[in-house]
C-alpha atoms as a PDB file:
ATOM      1  CA  MET A   1      51.580 221.879 136.679  1.00  0.00           C
ATOM      2  CA  LEU A   2      53.615 219.266 134.414  1.00  0.00           C
ATOM      3  CA  SER A   3      55.535 218.207 137.120  1.00  0.00           C
ATOM      4  CA  ARG A   4      52.751 218.012 139.398  1.00  0.00           C
ATOM      5  CA  ALA A   5      50.959 215.663 136.927  1.00  0.00           C
ATOM      6  CA  LEU A   6      54.332 213.835 136.463  1.00  0.00           C
ATOM      7  CA  SER A   7      54.515 213.327 140.110  1.00  0.00           C
ATOM      8  CA  SER A   8      51.235 211.985 140.166  1.00  0.00           C
ATOM      9  CA  LYS A   9      51.869 209.795 137.336  1.00  0.00           C
ATOM     10  CA  ARG A  10      54.773 208.181 139.446  1.00  0.00           C
ATOM     11  CA  GLU A  11      52.702 207.680 142.606  1.00  0.00           C
ATOM     12  CA  ALA A  12      49.824 205.885 140.684  1.00  0.00           C
ATOM     13  CA  ASN A  13      52.280 203.625 139.220  1.00  0.00           C
ATOM     14  CA  VAL A  14      54.171 202.755 142.539  1.00  0.00           C
ATOM     15  CA  ILE A  15      50.628 202.052 143.844  1.00  0.00           C
ATOM     16  CA  HIS A  16      49.919 199.958 140.856  1.00  0.00           C
ATOM     17  CA  LYS A  17      52.928 197.810 141.355  1.00  0.00           C
ATOM     18  CA  GLU A  18      52.094 197.187 145.096  1.00  0.00           C
ATOM     19  CA  ILE A  19      48.433 196.087 144.533  1.00  0.00           C
ATOM     20  CA  PHE A  20      50.087 193.786 141.707  1.00  0.00           C
ATOM     21  CA  GLN A  21      52.320 192.396 143.644  1.00  0.00           C
ATOM     22  CA  LYS A  22      50.272 191.764 146.262  1.00  0.00           C
ATOM     23  CA  GLN A  23      47.136 190.421 144.158  1.00  0.00           C
ATOM     24  CA  GLY A  24      48.617 189.297 141.240  1.00  0.00           C
ATOM     25  CA  TYR A  25      46.305 191.625 139.330  1.00  0.00           C
ATOM     26  CA  VAL A  26      45.532 195.291 139.302  1.00  0.00           C
ATOM     27  CA  PHE A  27      42.486 197.056 137.680  1.00  0.00           C
ATOM     28  CA  VAL A  28      43.847 200.457 136.140  1.00  0.00           C
ATOM     29  CA  LYS A  29      41.012 202.956 135.344  1.00  0.00           C
ATOM     30  CA  ASN A  30      41.377 204.267 131.489  1.00  0.00           C
ATOM     31  CA  PHE A  31      44.357 202.289 130.900  1.00  0.00           C
ATOM     32  CA  ILE A  32      43.498 202.423 127.194  1.00  0.00           C
ATOM     33  CA  ASP A  33      42.380 206.070 126.159  1.00  0.00           C
ATOM     34  CA  PRO A  34      38.860 206.323 125.736  1.00  0.00           C
ATOM     35  CA  SER A  35      38.970 207.677 122.206  1.00  0.00           C
ATOM     36  CA  VAL A  36      41.092 204.632 121.241  1.00  0.00           C
ATOM     37  CA  ALA A  37      38.962 202.050 122.763  1.00  0.00           C
ATOM     38  CA  ASP A  38      36.171 203.552 120.951  1.00  0.00           C
ATOM     39  CA  TYR A  39      38.179 203.179 117.430  1.00  0.00           C
ATOM     40  CA  LEU A  40      39.201 199.336 118.728  1.00  0.00           C
ATOM     41  CA  PHE A  41      35.244 198.598 119.383  1.00  0.00           C
ATOM     42  CA  GLU A  42      34.191 200.126 116.077  1.00  0.00           C
ATOM     43  CA  TYR A  43      36.884 198.226 114.322  1.00  0.00           C
ATOM     44  CA  LEU A  44      36.085 194.997 116.039  1.00  0.00           C
ATOM     45  CA  ARG A  45      32.478 195.575 115.138  1.00  0.00           C
ATOM     46  CA  PHE A  46      33.353 196.308 111.518  1.00  0.00           C
ATOM     47  CA  SER A  47      36.117 193.768 110.816  1.00  0.00           C
ATOM     48  CA  SER A  48      33.875 190.955 112.568  1.00  0.00           C
ATOM     49  CA  HIS A  49      31.171 191.523 110.189  1.00  0.00           C
ATOM     50  CA  ALA A  50      33.162 191.777 107.196  1.00  0.00           C
ATOM     51  CA  ILE A  51      34.585 187.917 108.497  1.00  0.00           C
ATOM     52  CA  VAL A  52      31.204 187.051 108.993  1.00  0.00           C
ATOM     53  CA  LEU A  53      30.100 187.748 105.565  1.00  0.00           C
ATOM     54  CA  SER A  54      33.442 185.940 103.863  1.00  0.00           C
ATOM     55  CA  GLY A  55      32.462 182.892 105.341  1.00  0.00           C
ATOM     56  CA  THR A  56      35.759 181.843 106.008  1.00  0.00           C
ATOM     57  CA  ASN A  57      35.887 181.557 109.843  1.00  0.00           C
ATOM     58  CA  ARG A  58      33.470 179.294 111.713  1.00  0.00           C
ATOM     59  CA  VAL A  59      34.584 180.239 115.249  1.00  0.00           C
ATOM     60  CA  ALA A  60      34.220 184.303 114.237  1.00  0.00           C
ATOM     61  CA  ILE A  61      30.626 183.375 113.659  1.00  0.00           C
ATOM     62  CA  GLU A  62      29.350 180.899 116.186  1.00  0.00           C
ATOM     63  CA  GLY A  63      31.654 181.923 118.880  1.00  0.00           C
ATOM     64  CA  ASP A  64      34.410 179.829 120.371  1.00  0.00           C
ATOM     65  CA  GLU A  65      34.658 176.822 123.167  1.00  0.00           C
ATOM     66  CA  GLN A  66      35.108 179.630 125.814  1.00  0.00           C
ATOM     67  CA  VAL A  67      32.254 181.620 124.989  1.00  0.00           C
ATOM     68  CA  PRO A  68      29.845 180.167 122.665  1.00  0.00           C
ATOM     69  CA  GLY A  69      27.724 182.308 120.876  1.00  0.00           C
ATOM     70  CA  SER A  70      30.130 185.434 121.370  1.00  0.00           C
ATOM     71  CA  PHE A  71      31.075 187.250 117.717  1.00  0.00           C
ATOM     72  CA  GLY A  72      34.479 187.862 115.667  1.00  0.00           C
ATOM     73  CA  SER A  73      36.776 185.286 118.151  1.00  0.00           C
ATOM     74  CA  ARG A  74      40.112 185.516 116.481  1.00  0.00           C
ATOM     75  CA  HIS A  75      43.631 185.079 117.164  1.00  0.00           C
ATOM     76  CA  GLY A  76      46.487 187.557 115.977  1.00  0.00           C
ATOM     77  CA  ASP A  77      44.139 190.143 114.846  1.00  0.00           C
ATOM     78  CA  LEU A  78      46.758 193.324 113.471  1.00  0.00           C
ATOM     79  CA  ALA A  79      44.995 196.057 115.449  1.00  0.00           C
ATOM     80  CA  PHE A  80      45.112 193.988 118.655  1.00  0.00           C
ATOM     81  CA  ASP A  81      49.202 192.997 117.780  1.00  0.00           C
ATOM     82  CA  ALA A  82      49.493 197.061 117.375  1.00  0.00           C
ATOM     83  CA  LEU A  83      48.110 197.339 120.625  1.00  0.00           C
ATOM     84  CA  MET A  84      50.115 194.810 122.595  1.00  0.00           C
ATOM     85  CA  LYS A  85      52.861 196.176 121.216  1.00  0.00           C
ATOM     86  CA  HIS A  86      51.997 200.017 121.967  1.00  0.00           C
ATOM     87  CA  MET A  87      51.007 199.169 125.722  1.00  0.00           C
ATOM     88  CA  LYS A  88      53.556 196.932 126.363  1.00  0.00           C
ATOM     89  CA  PRO A  89      55.790 199.508 127.930  1.00  0.00           C
ATOM     90  CA  ARG A  90      52.982 200.766 130.043  1.00  0.00           C
ATOM     91  CA  MET A  91      51.908 197.215 131.080  1.00  0.00           C
ATOM     92  CA  GLU A  92      55.769 196.920 132.239  1.00  0.00           C
ATOM     93  CA  GLU A  93      55.199 199.921 134.469  1.00  0.00           C
ATOM     94  CA  VAL A  94      52.391 198.931 136.158  1.00  0.00           C
ATOM     95  CA  THR A  95      53.488 195.332 137.117  1.00  0.00           C
ATOM     96  CA  GLY A  96      57.398 196.363 137.596  1.00  0.00           C
ATOM     97  CA  LEU A  97      57.636 193.003 135.199  1.00  0.00           C
ATOM     98  CA  GLU A  98      59.756 192.816 131.882  1.00  0.00           C
ATOM     99  CA  LEU A  99      57.333 191.099 129.475  1.00  0.00           C
ATOM    100  CA  TYR A 100      57.389 189.246 126.006  1.00  0.00           C
ATOM    101  CA  PRO A 101      54.560 190.023 124.019  1.00  0.00           C
ATOM    102  CA  THR A 102      53.419 186.361 123.046  1.00  0.00           C
ATOM    103  CA  TYR A 103      49.459 186.102 121.296  1.00  0.00           C
ATOM    104  CA  THR A 104      46.564 188.224 121.157  1.00  0.00           C
ATOM    105  CA  TYR A 105      43.041 187.194 121.183  1.00  0.00           C
ATOM    106  CA  THR A 106      39.774 188.840 120.644  1.00  0.00           C
ATOM    107  CA  ARG A 107      35.895 188.719 120.421  1.00  0.00           C
ATOM    108  CA  LEU A 108      33.069 190.391 120.963  1.00  0.00           C
ATOM    109  CA  TYR A 109      30.440 189.455 123.478  1.00  0.00           C
ATOM    110  CA  ARG A 110      27.018 189.261 122.742  1.00  0.00           C
ATOM    111  CA  PRO A 111      24.264 189.873 125.686  1.00  0.00           C
ATOM    112  CA  GLY A 112      24.276 187.114 127.998  1.00  0.00           C
ATOM    113  CA  ASN A 113      27.819 185.971 127.102  1.00  0.00           C
ATOM    114  CA  GLU A 114      30.028 185.136 129.903  1.00  0.00           C
ATOM    115  CA  LEU A 115      33.871 184.324 130.028  1.00  0.00           C
ATOM    116  CA  LYS A 116      34.023 181.728 132.829  1.00  0.00           C
ATOM    117  CA  LYS A 117      36.836 181.253 135.023  1.00  0.00           C
ATOM    118  CA  HIS A 118      39.366 179.410 133.142  1.00  0.00           C
ATOM    119  CA  THR A 119      43.238 178.727 132.891  1.00  0.00           C
ATOM    120  CA  ASP A 120      44.973 180.113 129.749  1.00  0.00           C
ATOM    121  CA  ARG A 121      47.716 178.325 127.666  1.00  0.00           C
ATOM    122  CA  PRO A 122      51.378 178.704 129.378  1.00  0.00           C
ATOM    123  CA  SER A 123      52.316 181.408 126.785  1.00  0.00           C
ATOM    124  CA  CYS A 124      49.713 183.390 128.177  1.00  0.00           C
ATOM    125  CA  GLU A 125      51.459 183.791 131.575  1.00  0.00           C
ATOM    126  CA  MET A 126      50.198 187.296 132.326  1.00  0.00           C
ATOM    127  CA  SER A 127      47.102 188.673 130.290  1.00  0.00           C
ATOM    128  CA  TYR A 128      45.465 192.053 129.571  1.00  0.00           C
ATOM    129  CA  PRO A 129      42.034 191.504 128.732  1.00  0.00           C
ATOM    130  CA  PRO A 130      41.072 195.128 128.141  1.00  0.00           C
ATOM    131  CA  PRO A 131      36.896 195.482 128.189  1.00  0.00           C
ATOM    132  CA  ILE A 132      36.462 198.159 125.013  1.00  0.00           C
ATOM    133  CA  LEU A 133      33.239 199.241 125.290  1.00  0.00           C
ATOM    134  CA  SER A 134      31.249 201.515 123.175  1.00  0.00           C
ATOM    135  CA  TYR A 135      30.694 204.493 125.267  1.00  0.00           C
ATOM    136  CA  LYS A 136      27.959 206.180 123.550  1.00  0.00           C
END
């Protein structure tokens, strides 16, 4: 059983790399374990409320330029920095590239919020925008 699972994972990685090389992106279902995604969603909700209550981050309250009205927008949140470091080897498997982490940025979307097509800064040559949703 274990060798079959490992073989299946290797095959999936080959397919993901091929898709990534062709399209410049690839969708990987359950890239983040759902229990980790649940944790991060709750963390983001609680920490965003704490930031808003502190009154120290206007962008967290009003949203940023790209998504006005979003909630809890911020750079360099430690939990998401840790996620970036943790997921780097998997990202390299999927893309076939050697990656250099640069920064994290996170926000909560409210109903009706939309991130329109845009160009990121040059240091963001490769993005991983995980849709972290409440599964409940």
